[in-house]
Protein backbone atom coordinates (compact mmCIF):
# COMPACT_ATOMS: atom_id res chain seq x y z
CA MET A 1 0.00 0.00 0.00
CA ILE A 2 1.09 3.56 -0.65
CA PRO A 3 0.05 6.58 1.42
CA TRP A 4 -2.58 9.07 0.32
CA LEU A 5 -1.17 12.58 0.65
CA GLY A 6 -2.87 15.32 2.61
CA ASN A 7 -3.38 19.01 1.95
CA LYS A 8 0.20 20.15 2.53
CA PRO A 9 3.10 19.48 0.11
CA ALA A 10 4.86 16.87 2.24
CA PHE A 11 6.05 13.49 0.99
CA PRO A 12 7.11 10.28 2.73
CA SER A 13 10.77 9.29 2.56
CA VAL A 14 11.68 8.03 -0.90
CA THR A 15 13.04 4.90 0.79
CA ARG A 16 9.39 3.88 1.22
CA ALA A 17 8.78 3.71 -2.53
CA LEU A 18 7.65 0.34 -3.85
CA ARG A 19 9.99 -2.00 -5.65
CA GLU A 20 7.15 -3.11 -7.93
CA PRO A 21 6.08 -1.02 -9.68
CA ASN A 22 9.54 0.48 -9.28
CA GLY A 23 9.43 3.81 -7.48
CA LEU A 24 5.72 4.29 -6.80
CA LEU A 25 5.70 6.36 -3.62
CA ALA A 26 2.36 8.03 -2.97
CA ALA A 27 -0.95 9.21 -4.41
CA GLY A 28 -2.99 12.37 -4.11
CA GLY A 29 -1.76 15.87 -3.47
CA ALA A 30 -1.88 18.50 -6.17
CA LEU A 31 0.07 19.82 -9.16
CA THR A 32 0.54 23.32 -7.79
CA PRO A 33 3.97 24.97 -7.86
CA GLU A 34 4.42 24.28 -4.15
CA TRP A 35 3.79 20.56 -4.58
CA LEU A 36 5.95 20.23 -7.70
CA LEU A 37 8.92 22.07 -6.20
CA ALA A 38 8.74 20.01 -3.01
CA ALA A 39 8.66 16.85 -5.11
CA TYR A 40 11.53 17.64 -7.45
CA ARG A 41 13.82 18.79 -4.67
CA HIS A 42 13.50 15.29 -3.18
CA GLY A 43 13.84 13.33 -6.41
CA ILE A 44 10.09 12.75 -6.85
CA PHE A 45 7.99 13.37 -9.94
CA PRO A 46 4.31 12.93 -10.95
CA TRP A 47 3.34 10.35 -13.54
CA PHE A 48 -0.19 9.07 -14.04
CA ASN A 49 -2.76 8.39 -16.74
CA ASP A 50 -5.94 10.30 -17.44
CA GLY A 51 -8.64 9.26 -14.99
CA GLU A 52 -6.16 8.16 -12.31
CA PRO A 53 -5.30 10.05 -9.12
CA ILE A 54 -1.96 11.89 -9.12
CA LEU A 55 0.77 9.30 -8.61
CA TRP A 56 4.24 10.24 -7.37
CA TRP A 57 7.38 8.26 -8.22
CA SER A 58 11.03 7.95 -7.21
CA PRO A 59 12.56 4.91 -8.96
CA ASP A 60 15.74 3.12 -7.94
CA PRO A 61 18.11 3.10 -9.76
CA ARG A 62 17.79 6.49 -11.47
CA MET A 63 18.99 7.25 -14.99
CA VAL A 64 20.91 10.52 -15.25
CA VAL A 65 23.24 12.30 -17.64
CA PHE A 66 26.09 14.38 -16.34
CA PRO A 67 26.20 17.34 -18.76
CA ASP A 68 29.93 17.05 -19.43
CA GLN A 69 29.56 13.35 -20.25
CA VAL A 70 26.82 13.45 -22.91
CA ARG A 71 27.58 10.98 -25.69
CA ILE A 72 27.64 12.45 -29.20
CA THR A 73 27.90 9.78 -31.89
CA ARG A 74 29.85 10.43 -35.05
CA SER A 75 26.67 10.66 -37.13
CA LEU A 76 25.00 13.04 -34.66
CA ARG A 77 28.11 15.21 -34.50
CA LYS A 78 28.04 15.45 -38.29
CA THR A 79 24.41 16.53 -38.13
CA LEU A 80 25.17 19.09 -35.43
CA ARG A 81 27.93 20.60 -37.54
CA ASN A 82 26.34 20.52 -40.95
CA ALA A 83 22.54 20.44 -40.74
CA ALA A 84 20.54 23.62 -41.26
CA TYR A 85 18.63 24.05 -38.03
CA GLU A 86 18.01 26.64 -35.31
CA ILE A 87 17.87 26.06 -31.56
CA ARG A 88 15.60 28.23 -29.43
CA LEU A 89 15.10 28.15 -25.68
CA ASP A 90 11.73 28.93 -24.08
CA HIS A 91 10.38 30.36 -27.34
CA ASP A 92 7.13 28.36 -27.45
CA PHE A 93 6.86 26.15 -24.38
CA PRO A 94 3.13 25.40 -24.84
CA ALA A 95 3.75 24.13 -28.38
CA VAL A 96 6.50 21.82 -27.13
CA ILE A 97 4.47 20.27 -24.32
CA ARG A 98 1.49 19.82 -26.66
CA ALA A 99 3.75 18.08 -29.17
CA CYS A 100 5.14 15.82 -26.45
CA ALA A 101 1.57 14.98 -25.43
CA ALA A 102 0.53 13.85 -28.92
CA PRO A 103 -0.20 10.08 -29.02
CA ARG A 104 2.70 8.06 -30.45
CA ASP A 105 0.84 4.90 -31.42
CA PRO A 106 -2.54 4.13 -33.05
CA ARG A 107 -4.11 3.23 -29.70
CA GLY A 108 -3.70 6.84 -28.55
CA GLY A 109 -3.41 7.96 -24.97
CA THR A 110 -0.78 10.01 -23.16
CA TRP A 111 0.36 10.65 -19.61
CA ILE A 112 0.83 14.34 -20.47
CA THR A 113 -2.79 15.12 -19.72
CA PRO A 114 -4.35 18.59 -19.94
CA GLU A 115 -3.89 18.78 -16.15
CA ILE A 116 -0.15 18.09 -16.52
CA GLN A 117 0.14 20.57 -19.39
CA ASP A 118 -1.51 23.34 -17.40
CA ALA A 119 0.72 22.65 -14.37
CA TYR A 120 3.97 22.80 -16.30
CA ILE A 121 2.93 25.82 -18.34
CA ARG A 122 2.41 27.51 -14.98
CA MET A 123 5.89 26.40 -13.88
CA HIS A 124 7.25 27.82 -17.13
CA GLU A 125 5.61 31.15 -16.39
CA LEU A 126 7.35 31.09 -12.99
CA GLY A 127 10.74 30.41 -14.60
CA TYR A 128 11.17 26.78 -13.53
CA ALA A 129 10.04 24.78 -16.57
CA HIS A 130 11.94 25.20 -19.83
CA SER A 131 11.79 24.08 -23.44
CA VAL A 132 14.57 23.42 -25.94
CA GLU A 133 13.28 23.66 -29.50
CA THR A 134 14.75 22.56 -32.83
CA TYR A 135 13.52 24.48 -35.87
CA ILE A 136 14.13 23.22 -39.42
CA ASP A 137 12.96 25.27 -42.39
CA GLY A 138 11.28 27.60 -39.93
CA GLU A 139 9.09 24.82 -38.48
CA LEU A 140 9.19 23.32 -35.00
CA ALA A 141 10.75 19.94 -35.83
CA GLY A 142 11.51 18.54 -32.36
CA GLY A 143 12.45 19.39 -28.83
CA LEU A 144 12.04 18.65 -25.18
CA TYR A 145 10.90 20.19 -21.92
CA GLY A 146 11.78 19.80 -18.27
CA MET A 147 12.23 21.45 -14.90
CA ALA A 148 15.23 23.34 -13.56
CA VAL A 149 15.61 23.64 -9.79
CA GLY A 150 18.90 25.13 -8.70
CA ARG A 151 21.57 23.39 -10.76
CA ALA A 152 19.54 20.24 -11.41
CA PHE A 153 17.57 19.79 -14.62
CA TYR A 154 14.80 17.19 -14.77
CA GLY A 155 13.95 16.07 -18.28
CA GLU A 156 10.27 15.30 -18.74
CA SER A 157 9.60 14.43 -22.37
CA MET A 158 10.87 14.93 -25.91
CA PHE A 159 9.41 14.66 -29.39
CA SER A 160 10.69 14.56 -32.95
CA ARG A 161 8.99 15.30 -36.27
CA ARG A 162 12.20 15.18 -38.30
CA THR A 163 15.17 12.83 -38.09
CA ASP A 164 17.41 13.56 -35.07
CA ALA A 165 15.50 16.74 -34.16
CA SER A 166 15.08 15.73 -30.49
CA LYS A 167 18.70 14.51 -30.30
CA ILE A 168 19.86 17.90 -31.61
CA ALA A 169 17.85 19.62 -28.88
CA PHE A 170 19.25 17.24 -26.23
CA ALA A 171 22.86 17.84 -27.30
CA HIS A 172 22.44 21.61 -27.18
CA LEU A 173 20.69 21.35 -23.80
CA ALA A 174 23.58 19.33 -22.36
CA ARG A 175 26.11 21.89 -23.58
CA PHE A 176 23.99 24.76 -22.23
CA LEU A 177 23.71 23.05 -18.84
CA GLU A 178 27.45 22.37 -18.73
CA GLN A 179 28.19 26.02 -19.47
CA ARG A 180 25.88 27.02 -16.63
CA GLU A 181 27.51 24.54 -14.25
CA PHE A 182 24.46 22.33 -13.78
CA ARG A 183 25.32 19.25 -11.76
CA VAL A 184 22.96 16.70 -13.31
CA LEU A 185 20.36 16.11 -16.02
CA ASP A 186 17.78 13.70 -14.65
CA CYS A 187 16.22 11.26 -17.14
CA GLN A 188 13.92 9.59 -14.57
CA MET A 189 13.43 6.20 -16.26
CA THR A 190 16.01 3.96 -17.92
CA THR A 191 15.67 3.63 -21.70
CA SER A 192 18.05 2.46 -24.41
CA HIS A 193 17.56 5.77 -26.24
CA LEU A 194 18.76 7.80 -23.25
CA ALA A 195 21.58 5.36 -22.59
CA SER A 196 22.78 5.96 -26.16
CA LEU A 197 23.05 9.67 -25.32
CA GLY A 198 25.19 9.08 -22.25
CA GLY A 199 22.57 8.14 -19.67
CA GLN A 200 23.82 6.06 -16.76
CA GLU A 201 22.14 4.51 -13.76
CA ILE A 202 22.94 5.64 -10.24
CA SER A 203 21.31 4.61 -6.99
CA ARG A 204 18.40 6.62 -5.69
CA ALA A 205 20.36 7.35 -2.52
CA THR A 206 23.22 8.82 -4.57
CA PHE A 207 20.78 10.84 -6.66
CA VAL A 208 18.97 12.30 -3.65
CA GLN A 209 22.27 13.18 -2.00
CA LEU A 210 23.32 14.96 -5.20
CA LEU A 211 20.04 16.92 -5.21
CA ASP A 212 20.57 18.05 -1.61
CA GLU A 213 23.40 20.24 -2.90
CA ALA A 214 22.41 20.91 -6.51
CA THR A 215 18.92 22.24 -5.79
CA GLN A 216 20.31 24.79 -3.32
CA GLU A 217 22.73 26.28 -5.86
CA GLY A 218 22.37 28.47 -8.91
CA PRO A 219 20.53 31.62 -9.93
CA PRO A 220 16.87 32.33 -9.19
CA PRO A 221 14.28 30.91 -11.60
CA ALA A 222 13.88 32.88 -14.83
CA ARG A 223 13.12 32.34 -18.49
CA TRP A 224 16.17 31.19 -20.44
CA PRO A 225 17.45 33.51 -23.21
CA MET A 226 15.97 32.37 -26.51
CA ASN A 227 19.36 32.28 -28.27
CA GLY A 228 21.29 30.99 -25.26
CA ALA A 229 22.06 27.61 -26.85
CA GLN A 230 22.28 28.67 -30.48
CA ALA A 231 26.08 28.74 -30.85
CA PRO A 232 27.30 26.52 -33.74
CA TRP A 233 28.65 23.08 -32.87
CA THR A 234 32.39 22.65 -33.20
């Protein structure tokens, strides 16, 4: 059994999360800024389907990318150097989260519900949630969004309408985070795609300890400069 959360943004210790399903910690609460910030600072994130209560997770192990260790394959590096594209930060966050929410198989369905979209758009307005956008031929071709708290970035979702468009956004994000001395890029769940980009598993205890420092560092929340990650790849 998992606890049902009350009216205040307080979570049980992540050590109480279930092993199966991996990381399920609690249910209930709300998706207000206060709840989301309390969750992310402790390595917890919401993930639930439409019609379900809010479910909060903290899996073990945790997949992360350290910004200075992102893996750029030879083919991706060639694309980064030679392809005609433009990277924009925080230019059209609502368009990015809507694109990430679009169903990816014929059966439809998405965990990025209208409730989730509204919550993260609000966090974007407050300077915590950010988008990295790849434009090709003037069109939004791919990108990603996530949360920045202190010097920790929590990736939420990515999408791609053109070949490698989300990988281009990810590579520029990692370089931007490294330049700004971010400590970690959280990927939440382990996937082969993220592993190919440099993702590695660390224990939840190590991750939470890292957050104890990283979330207390850095500048105050603010919108990222639109051209802040636009520099050509070398």
